[in-house]
């Protein structure tokens, strides 16, 4: 039985900025990063021959070059944050 949660692999000069269990979510993040001209790659630990999509057995990681990591995390935080009402709109 696995005791430790699978983690992102160390990839020289690249940093994991996002982790998910669903391929479409990883692709959405990748597309958003690419639209901002941030290079990125997806690393999937999903066991594709058996199509397992259960929690830690199907983790998918999004990597960016280290020099883009901070910018990528900010974009992802904004992507995930719910829109707030800033009060500038008139009714």
PDB file of N, CA and C in Angstrom:
ATOM      1  N   UNK A   1       0.838  -1.180   0.000  1.00  0.00           N
ATOM      2  CA  UNK A   1       0.000   0.000   0.000  1.00  0.00           C
ATOM      3  C   UNK A   1       0.886   1.247   0.000  1.00  0.00           C
ATOM      4  N   UNK A   2       0.495   2.247  -0.758  1.00  0.00           N
ATOM      5  CA  UNK A   2       1.291   3.473  -0.854  1.00  0.00           C
ATOM      6  C   UNK A   2       1.084   4.324   0.393  1.00  0.00           C
ATOM      7  N   UNK A   3       2.190   4.775   0.965  1.00  0.00           N
ATOM      8  CA  UNK A   3       2.102   5.627   2.143  1.00  0.00           C
ATOM      9  C   UNK A   3       2.222   7.093   1.784  1.00  0.00           C
ATOM     10  N   UNK A   4       3.023   7.389   0.787  1.00  0.00           N
ATOM     11  CA  UNK A   4       3.248   8.777   0.395  1.00  0.00           C
ATOM     12  C   UNK A   4       2.471   9.098  -0.866  1.00  0.00           C
ATOM     13  N   UNK A   5       1.956  10.315  -0.897  1.00  0.00           N
ATOM     14  CA  UNK A   5       1.256  10.797  -2.084  1.00  0.00           C
ATOM     15  C   UNK A   5       2.279  10.971  -3.203  1.00  0.00           C
ATOM     16  N   UNK A   6       1.965  10.528  -4.418  1.00  0.00           N
ATOM     17  CA  UNK A   6       2.890  10.757  -5.528  1.00  0.00           C
ATOM     18  C   UNK A   6       3.150  12.246  -5.698  1.00  0.00           C
ATOM     19  N   UNK A   7       4.362  12.567  -6.002  1.00  0.00           N
ATOM     20  CA  UNK A   7       4.701  13.981  -6.165  1.00  0.00           C
ATOM     21  C   UNK A   7       5.224  14.219  -7.571  1.00  0.00           C
ATOM     22  N   UNK A   8       5.318  15.495  -7.897  1.00  0.00           N
ATOM     23  CA  UNK A   8       5.858  15.847  -9.205  1.00  0.00           C
ATOM     24  C   UNK A   8       7.332  15.465  -9.249  1.00  0.00           C
ATOM     25  N   UNK A   9       7.775  15.072 -10.405  1.00  0.00           N
ATOM     26  CA  UNK A   9       9.174  14.702 -10.585  1.00  0.00           C
ATOM     27  C   UNK A   9      10.032  15.953 -10.692  1.00  0.00           C
ATOM     28  N   UNK A  10      11.295  15.813 -10.290  1.00  0.00           N
ATOM     29  CA  UNK A  10      12.237  16.909 -10.493  1.00  0.00           C
ATOM     30  C   UNK A  10      12.662  16.887 -11.958  1.00  0.00           C
ATOM     31  N   UNK A  11      12.431  17.988 -12.624  1.00  0.00           N
ATOM     32  CA  UNK A  11      12.844  18.137 -14.019  1.00  0.00           C
ATOM     33  C   UNK A  11      13.760  19.348 -14.061  1.00  0.00           C
ATOM     34  N   UNK A  12      14.995  19.140 -14.470  1.00  0.00           N
ATOM     35  CA  UNK A  12      15.992  20.205 -14.442  1.00  0.00           C
ATOM     36  C   UNK A  12      15.525  21.441 -15.212  1.00  0.00           C
ATOM     37  N   UNK A  13      15.598  22.588 -14.539  1.00  0.00           N
ATOM     38  CA  UNK A  13      15.241  23.905 -15.080  1.00  0.00           C
ATOM     39  C   UNK A  13      13.747  24.089 -15.328  1.00  0.00           C
ATOM     40  N   UNK A  14      12.920  23.166 -14.862  1.00  0.00           N
ATOM     41  CA  UNK A  14      11.466  23.279 -14.971  1.00  0.00           C
ATOM     42  C   UNK A  14      10.871  23.139 -13.574  1.00  0.00           C
ATOM     43  N   UNK A  15       9.709  23.751 -13.368  1.00  0.00           N
ATOM     44  CA  UNK A  15       9.054  23.696 -12.067  1.00  0.00           C
ATOM     45  C   UNK A  15       7.575  23.356 -12.248  1.00  0.00           C
ATOM     46  N   UNK A  16       7.083  22.490 -11.378  1.00  0.00           N
ATOM     47  CA  UNK A  16       5.670  22.132 -11.406  1.00  0.00           C
ATOM     48  C   UNK A  16       4.867  23.276 -10.784  1.00  0.00           C
ATOM     49  N   UNK A  17       3.890  23.790 -11.538  1.00  0.00           N
ATOM     50  CA  UNK A  17       3.084  24.913 -11.048  1.00  0.00           C
ATOM     51  C   UNK A  17       1.619  24.538 -10.851  1.00  0.00           C
ATOM     52  N   UNK A  18       1.239  23.339 -11.287  1.00  0.00           N
ATOM     53  CA  UNK A  18      -0.169  22.952 -11.167  1.00  0.00           C
ATOM     54  C   UNK A  18      -0.283  21.438 -11.136  1.00  0.00           C
ATOM     55  N   UNK A  19      -1.219  20.953 -10.324  1.00  0.00           N
ATOM     56  CA  UNK A  19      -1.447  19.523 -10.169  1.00  0.00           C
ATOM     57  C   UNK A  19      -2.953  19.270 -10.187  1.00  0.00           C
ATOM     58  N   UNK A  20      -3.376  18.267 -10.930  1.00  0.00           N
ATOM     59  CA  UNK A  20      -4.797  17.945 -11.025  1.00  0.00           C
ATOM     60  C   UNK A  20      -4.967  16.455 -11.291  1.00  0.00           C
ATOM     61  N   UNK A  21      -6.191  15.996 -11.224  1.00  0.00           N
ATOM     62  CA  UNK A  21      -6.492  14.608 -11.532  1.00  0.00           C
ATOM     63  C   UNK A  21      -7.276  14.450 -12.819  1.00  0.00           C
ATOM     64  N   UNK A  22      -7.549  15.570 -13.493  1.00  0.00           N
ATOM     65  CA  UNK A  22      -8.347  15.500 -14.717  1.00  0.00           C
ATOM     66  C   UNK A  22      -7.584  16.092 -15.899  1.00  0.00           C
ATOM     67  N   UNK A  23      -7.512  15.350 -16.998  1.00  0.00           N
ATOM     68  CA  UNK A  23      -6.761  15.818 -18.169  1.00  0.00           C
ATOM     69  C   UNK A  23      -7.277  17.133 -18.740  1.00  0.00           C
ATOM     70  N   UNK A  24      -8.598  17.319 -18.770  1.00  0.00           N
ATOM     71  CA  UNK A  24      -9.130  18.548 -19.365  1.00  0.00           C
ATOM     72  C   UNK A  24      -8.736  19.779 -18.558  1.00  0.00           C
ATOM     73  N   UNK A  25      -8.636  19.626 -17.227  1.00  0.00           N
ATOM     74  CA  UNK A  25      -8.224  20.751 -16.391  1.00  0.00           C
ATOM     75  C   UNK A  25      -6.763  21.116 -16.665  1.00  0.00           C
ATOM     76  N   UNK A  26      -5.910  20.113 -16.793  1.00  0.00           N
ATOM     77  CA  UNK A  26      -4.501  20.355 -17.118  1.00  0.00           C
ATOM     78  C   UNK A  26      -4.380  21.032 -18.478  1.00  0.00           C
ATOM     79  N   UNK A  27      -5.179  20.596 -19.446  1.00  0.00           N
ATOM     80  CA  UNK A  27      -5.148  21.205 -20.783  1.00  0.00           C
ATOM     81  C   UNK A  27      -5.639  22.654 -20.747  1.00  0.00           C
ATOM     82  N   UNK A  28      -6.649  22.945 -19.922  1.00  0.00           N
ATOM     83  CA  UNK A  28      -7.136  24.328 -19.802  1.00  0.00           C
ATOM     84  C   UNK A  28      -6.045  25.235 -19.249  1.00  0.00           C
ATOM     85  N   UNK A  29      -5.344  24.759 -18.225  1.00  0.00           N
ATOM     86  CA  UNK A  29      -4.254  25.545 -17.640  1.00  0.00           C
ATOM     87  C   UNK A  29      -3.142  25.711 -18.665  1.00  0.00           C
ATOM     88  N   UNK A  30      -2.792  24.639 -19.349  1.00  0.00           N
ATOM     89  CA  UNK A  30      -1.739  24.705 -20.373  1.00  0.00           C
ATOM     90  C   UNK A  30      -2.102  25.717 -21.453  1.00  0.00           C
ATOM     91  N   UNK A  31      -3.335  25.672 -21.950  1.00  0.00           N
ATOM     92  CA  UNK A  31      -3.766  26.612 -22.986  1.00  0.00           C
ATOM     93  C   UNK A  31      -3.729  28.053 -22.494  1.00  0.00           C
ATOM     94  N   UNK A  32      -4.140  28.277 -21.252  1.00  0.00           N
ATOM     95  CA  UNK A  32      -4.103  29.631 -20.688  1.00  0.00           C
ATOM     96  C   UNK A  32      -2.670  30.141 -20.583  1.00  0.00           C
ATOM     97  N   UNK A  33      -1.765  29.272 -20.141  1.00  0.00           N
ATOM     98  CA  UNK A  33      -0.354  29.659 -20.045  1.00  0.00           C
ATOM     99  C   UNK A  33       0.220  29.957 -21.425  1.00  0.00           C
ATOM    100  N   UNK A  34      -0.086  29.115 -22.393  1.00  0.00           N
ATOM    101  CA  UNK A  34       0.423  29.335 -23.746  1.00  0.00           C
ATOM    102  C   UNK A  34      -0.139  30.615 -24.354  1.00  0.00           C
ATOM    103  N   UNK A  35      -1.380  30.956 -24.041  1.00  0.00           N
ATOM    104  CA  UNK A  35      -1.959  32.214 -24.523  1.00  0.00           C
ATOM    105  C   UNK A  35      -1.216  33.423 -23.970  1.00  0.00           C
ATOM    106  N   UNK A  36      -0.582  33.254 -22.799  1.00  0.00           N
ATOM    107  CA  UNK A  36       0.217  34.325 -22.205  1.00  0.00           C
ATOM    108  C   UNK A  36       1.687  34.191 -22.595  1.00  0.00           C
ATOM    109  N   UNK A  37       1.951  33.327 -23.577  1.00  0.00           N
ATOM    110  CA  UNK A  37       3.301  33.073 -24.083  1.00  0.00           C
ATOM    111  C   UNK A  37       4.242  32.535 -23.008  1.00  0.00           C
ATOM    112  N   UNK A  38       3.683  31.707 -22.120  1.00  0.00           N
ATOM    113  CA  UNK A  38       4.475  31.015 -21.111  1.00  0.00           C
ATOM    114  C   UNK A  38       4.637  29.575 -21.593  1.00  0.00           C
ATOM    115  N   UNK A  39       5.868  29.144 -21.874  1.00  0.00           N
ATOM    116  CA  UNK A  39       6.066  27.768 -22.325  1.00  0.00           C
ATOM    117  C   UNK A  39       5.694  26.788 -21.210  1.00  0.00           C
ATOM    118  N   UNK A  40       5.077  25.686 -21.568  1.00  0.00           N
ATOM    119  CA  UNK A  40       4.679  24.719 -20.549  1.00  0.00           C
ATOM    120  C   UNK A  40       4.551  23.326 -21.153  1.00  0.00           C
ATOM    121  N   UNK A  41       4.597  22.340 -20.271  1.00  0.00           N
ATOM    122  CA  UNK A  41       4.457  20.936 -20.658  1.00  0.00           C
ATOM    123  C   UNK A  41       3.612  20.227 -19.605  1.00  0.00           C
ATOM    124  N   UNK A  42       2.933  19.185 -20.035  1.00  0.00           N
ATOM    125  CA  UNK A  42       2.142  18.367 -19.119  1.00  0.00           C
ATOM    126  C   UNK A  42       2.865  17.042 -18.903  1.00  0.00           C
ATOM    127  N   UNK A  43       2.950  16.625 -17.633  1.00  0.00           N
ATOM    128  CA  UNK A  43       3.487  15.316 -17.281  1.00  0.00           C
ATOM    129  C   UNK A  43       2.370  14.557 -16.577  1.00  0.00           C
ATOM    130  N   UNK A  44       1.946  13.461 -17.173  1.00  0.00           N
ATOM    131  CA  UNK A  44       0.850  12.679 -16.612  1.00  0.00           C
ATOM    132  C   UNK A  44       1.385  11.411 -15.966  1.00  0.00           C
ATOM    133  N   UNK A  45       0.914  11.140 -14.758  1.00  0.00           N
ATOM    134  CA  UNK A  45       1.240   9.878 -14.095  1.00  0.00           C
ATOM    135  C   UNK A  45       0.042   8.938 -14.155  1.00  0.00           C
ATOM    136  N   UNK A  46      -0.878   9.271 -15.027  1.00  0.00           N
ATOM    137  CA  UNK A  46      -2.088   8.471 -15.199  1.00  0.00           C
ATOM    138  C   UNK A  46      -1.722   7.141 -15.847  1.00  0.00           C
ATOM    139  N   UNK A  47      -2.290   6.076 -15.346  1.00  0.00           N
ATOM    140  CA  UNK A  47      -2.033   4.747 -15.881  1.00  0.00           C
ATOM    141  C   UNK A  47      -2.964   4.521 -17.061  1.00  0.00           C
ATOM    142  N   UNK A  48      -2.544   4.987 -18.238  1.00  0.00           N
ATOM    143  CA  UNK A  48      -3.424   4.991 -19.407  1.00  0.00           C
ATOM    144  C   UNK A  48      -3.862   3.610 -19.906  1.00  0.00           C
ATOM    145  N   UNK A  49      -3.060   2.547 -19.812  1.00  0.00           N
ATOM    146  CA  UNK A  49      -3.567   1.260 -20.297  1.00  0.00           C
ATOM    147  C   UNK A  49      -4.826   0.800 -19.556  1.00  0.00           C
ATOM    148  N   UNK A  50      -4.942   1.212 -18.288  1.00  0.00           N
ATOM    149  CA  UNK A  50      -6.093   0.805 -17.493  1.00  0.00           C
ATOM    150  C   UNK A  50      -7.092   1.938 -17.305  1.00  0.00           C
ATOM    151  N   UNK A  51      -6.775   3.118 -17.836  1.00  0.00           N
ATOM    152  CA  UNK A  51      -7.649   4.284 -17.764  1.00  0.00           C
ATOM    153  C   UNK A  51      -8.109   4.583 -16.340  1.00  0.00           C
ATOM    154  N   UNK A  52      -7.182   4.492 -15.398  1.00  0.00           N
ATOM    155  CA  UNK A  52      -7.489   4.759 -13.997  1.00  0.00           C
ATOM    156  C   UNK A  52      -7.546   6.261 -13.781  1.00  0.00           C
ATOM    157  N   UNK A  53      -8.619   6.721 -13.197  1.00  0.00           N
ATOM    158  CA  UNK A  53      -8.773   8.146 -12.899  1.00  0.00           C
ATOM    159  C   UNK A  53      -9.245   8.297 -11.458  1.00  0.00           C
ATOM    160  N   UNK A  54      -8.467   7.705 -10.543  1.00  0.00           N
ATOM    161  CA  UNK A  54      -8.846   7.701  -9.139  1.00  0.00           C
ATOM    162  C   UNK A  54      -7.775   8.415  -8.330  1.00  0.00           C
ATOM    163  N   UNK A  55      -8.108   9.595  -7.834  1.00  0.00           N
ATOM    164  CA  UNK A  55      -7.246  10.345  -6.929  1.00  0.00           C
ATOM    165  C   UNK A  55      -5.787  10.387  -7.314  1.00  0.00           C
ATOM    166  N   UNK A  56      -4.941   9.941  -6.379  1.00  0.00           N
ATOM    167  CA  UNK A  56      -3.494  10.032  -6.550  1.00  0.00           C
ATOM    168  C   UNK A  56      -2.952   9.093  -7.628  1.00  0.00           C
ATOM    169  N   UNK A  57      -3.758   8.166  -8.102  1.00  0.00           N
ATOM    170  CA  UNK A  57      -3.298   7.250  -9.147  1.00  0.00           C
ATOM    171  C   UNK A  57      -3.358   7.881 -10.529  1.00  0.00           C
ATOM    172  N   UNK A  58      -3.907   9.085 -10.611  1.00  0.00           N
ATOM    173  CA  UNK A  58      -4.097   9.717 -11.920  1.00  0.00           C
ATOM    174  C   UNK A  58      -3.614  11.162 -11.933  1.00  0.00           C
ATOM    175  N   UNK A  59      -2.584  11.470 -11.182  1.00  0.00           N
ATOM    176  CA  UNK A  59      -2.137  12.859 -11.104  1.00  0.00           C
ATOM    177  C   UNK A  59      -1.497  13.329 -12.401  1.00  0.00           C
ATOM    178  N   UNK A  60      -1.799  14.567 -12.727  1.00  0.00           N
ATOM    179  CA  UNK A  60      -1.268  15.209 -13.926  1.00  0.00           C
ATOM    180  C   UNK A  60      -0.643  16.521 -13.482  1.00  0.00           C
ATOM    181  N   UNK A  61       0.576  16.789 -13.939  1.00  0.00           N
ATOM    182  CA  UNK A  61       1.321  17.965 -13.516  1.00  0.00           C
ATOM    183  C   UNK A  61       1.591  18.881 -14.703  1.00  0.00           C
ATOM    184  N   UNK A  62       1.521  20.188 -14.455  1.00  0.00           N
ATOM    185  CA  UNK A  62       1.853  21.180 -15.480  1.00  0.00           C
ATOM    186  C   UNK A  62       3.170  21.830 -15.064  1.00  0.00           C
ATOM    187  N   UNK A  63       4.145  21.788 -15.955  1.00  0.00           N
ATOM    188  CA  UNK A  63       5.475  22.342 -15.705  1.00  0.00           C
ATOM    189  C   UNK A  63       5.733  23.558 -16.586  1.00  0.00           C
ATOM    190  N   UNK A  64       6.496  24.503 -16.030  1.00  0.00           N
ATOM    191  CA  UNK A  64       6.968  25.659 -16.796  1.00  0.00           C
ATOM    192  C   UNK A  64       8.456  25.827 -16.506  1.00  0.00           C
ATOM    193  N   UNK A  65       9.206  26.493 -17.398  1.00  0.00           N
ATOM    194  CA  UNK A  65      10.604  26.804 -17.086  1.00  0.00           C
ATOM    195  C   UNK A  65      10.668  27.630 -15.798  1.00  0.00           C
ATOM    196  N   UNK A  66      11.699  27.417 -15.017  1.00  0.00           N
ATOM    197  CA  UNK A  66      11.827  28.066 -13.708  1.00  0.00           C
ATOM    198  C   UNK A  66      11.630  29.570 -13.787  1.00  0.00           C
ATOM    199  N   UNK A  67      12.155  30.208 -14.826  1.00  0.00           N
ATOM    200  CA  UNK A  67      12.061  31.668 -14.915  1.00  0.00           C
ATOM    201  C   UNK A  67      10.626  32.161 -15.143  1.00  0.00           C
ATOM    202  N   UNK A  68       9.708  31.273 -15.498  1.00  0.00           N
ATOM    203  CA  UNK A  68       8.304  31.638 -15.711  1.00  0.00           C
ATOM    204  C   UNK A  68       7.400  31.193 -14.557  1.00  0.00           C
ATOM    205  N   UNK A  69       7.951  30.521 -13.553  1.00  0.00           N
ATOM    206  CA  UNK A  69       7.135  29.902 -12.503  1.00  0.00           C
ATOM    207  C   UNK A  69       6.277  30.908 -11.740  1.00  0.00           C
ATOM    208  N   UNK A  70       6.855  32.013 -11.318  1.00  0.00           N
ATOM    209  CA  UNK A  70       6.093  33.001 -10.546  1.00  0.00           C
ATOM    210  C   UNK A  70       4.949  33.581 -11.375  1.00  0.00           C
ATOM    211  N   UNK A  71       5.244  33.947 -12.605  1.00  0.00           N
ATOM    212  CA  UNK A  71       4.224  34.501 -13.505  1.00  0.00           C
ATOM    213  C   UNK A  71       3.117  33.468 -13.755  1.00  0.00           C
ATOM    214  N   UNK A  72       3.491  32.218 -13.931  1.00  0.00           N
ATOM    215  CA  UNK A  72       2.511  31.157 -14.179  1.00  0.00           C
ATOM    216  C   UNK A  72       1.611  30.951 -12.966  1.00  0.00           C
ATOM    217  N   UNK A  73       2.198  30.944 -11.772  1.00  0.00           N
ATOM    218  CA  UNK A  73       1.391  30.764 -10.557  1.00  0.00           C
ATOM    219  C   UNK A  73       0.400  31.910 -10.366  1.00  0.00           C
ATOM    220  N   UNK A  74       0.830  33.128 -10.661  1.00  0.00           N
ATOM    221  CA  UNK A  74      -0.079  34.275 -10.563  1.00  0.00           C
ATOM    222  C   UNK A  74      -1.249  34.111 -11.524  1.00  0.00           C
ATOM    223  N   UNK A  75      -0.972  33.688 -12.746  1.00  0.00           N
ATOM    224  CA  UNK A  75      -2.031  33.479 -13.729  1.00  0.00           C
ATOM    225  C   UNK A  75      -2.982  32.381 -13.260  1.00  0.00           C
ATOM    226  N   UNK A  76      -2.441  31.302 -12.725  1.00  0.00           N
ATOM    227  CA  UNK A  76      -3.269  30.193 -12.253  1.00  0.00           C
ATOM    228  C   UNK A  76      -4.115  30.634 -11.062  1.00  0.00           C
ATOM    229  N   UNK A  77      -3.531  31.397 -10.142  1.00  0.00           N
ATOM    230  CA  UNK A  77      -4.297  31.904  -8.996  1.00  0.00           C
ATOM    231  C   UNK A  77      -5.460  32.763  -9.461  1.00  0.00           C
ATOM    232  N   UNK A  78      -5.225  33.614 -10.446  1.00  0.00           N
ATOM    233  CA  UNK A  78      -6.292  34.460 -10.991  1.00  0.00           C
ATOM    234  C   UNK A  78      -7.336  33.622 -11.717  1.00  0.00           C
ATOM    235  N   UNK A  79      -6.899  32.569 -12.374  1.00  0.00           N
ATOM    236  CA  UNK A  79      -7.787  31.671 -13.109  1.00  0.00           C
ATOM    237  C   UNK A  79      -8.720  30.935 -12.148  1.00  0.00           C
ATOM    238  N   UNK A  80      -8.171  30.520 -10.993  1.00  0.00           N
ATOM    239  CA  UNK A  80      -8.940  29.746 -10.026  1.00  0.00           C
ATOM    240  C   UNK A  80      -9.789  30.604  -9.102  1.00  0.00           C
ATOM    241  N   UNK A  81      -9.398  31.859  -8.886  1.00  0.00           N
ATOM    242  CA  UNK A  81     -10.110  32.721  -7.940  1.00  0.00           C
ATOM    243  C   UNK A  81     -11.481  33.093  -8.487  1.00  0.00           C
ATOM    244  N   UNK A  82     -12.495  33.051  -7.632  1.00  0.00           N
ATOM    245  CA  UNK A  82     -13.819  33.482  -8.095  1.00  0.00           C
ATOM    246  C   UNK A  82     -13.811  34.977  -8.369  1.00  0.00           C
ATOM    247  N   UNK A  83     -14.594  35.374  -9.352  1.00  0.00           N
ATOM    248  CA  UNK A  83     -14.680  36.796  -9.677  1.00  0.00           C
ATOM    249  C   UNK A  83     -15.346  37.521  -8.519  1.00  0.00           C
ATOM    250  N   UNK A  84     -14.762  38.640  -8.133  1.00  0.00           N
ATOM    251  CA  UNK A  84     -15.350  39.423  -7.046  1.00  0.00           C
ATOM    252  C   UNK A  84     -15.955  40.687  -7.617  1.00  0.00           C
ATOM    253  N   UNK A  85     -16.981  41.166  -6.952  1.00  0.00           N
ATOM    254  CA  UNK A  85     -17.645  42.388  -7.371  1.00  0.00           C
ATOM    255  C   UNK A  85     -16.839  43.560  -6.836  1.00  0.00           C
ATOM    256  N   UNK A  86     -16.301  44.378  -7.733  1.00  0.00           N
ATOM    257  CA  UNK A  86     -15.474  45.495  -7.292  1.00  0.00           C
ATOM    258  C   UNK A  86     -16.281  46.755  -7.054  1.00  0.00           C
ATOM    259  N   UNK A  87     -17.580  46.714  -7.270  1.00  0.00           N
ATOM    260  CA  UNK A  87     -18.435  47.852  -6.976  1.00  0.00           C
ATOM    261  C   UNK A  87     -18.400  48.950  -8.010  1.00  0.00           C
ATOM    262  N   UNK A  88     -17.702  48.752  -9.125  1.00  0.00           N
ATOM    263  CA  UNK A  88     -17.602  49.788 -10.152  1.00  0.00           C
ATOM    264  C   UNK A  88     -18.772  49.772 -11.128  1.00  0.00           C
ATOM    265  N   UNK A  89     -19.543  48.706 -11.107  1.00  0.00           N
ATOM    266  CA  UNK A  89     -20.638  48.589 -12.058  1.00  0.00           C
ATOM    267  C   UNK A  89     -21.875  49.320 -11.552  1.00  0.00           C
ATOM    268  N   UNK A  90     -22.583  49.958 -12.485  1.00  0.00           N
ATOM    269  CA  UNK A  90     -23.820  50.636 -12.126  1.00  0.00           C
ATOM    270  C   UNK A  90     -24.984  49.702 -12.366  1.00  0.00           C
ATOM    271  N   UNK A  91     -26.011  49.841 -11.547  1.00  0.00           N
ATOM    272  CA  UNK A  91     -27.190  48.989 -11.714  1.00  0.00           C
ATOM    273  C   UNK A  91     -28.239  49.684 -12.507  1.00  0.00           C
TER     274      UNK A  91
END
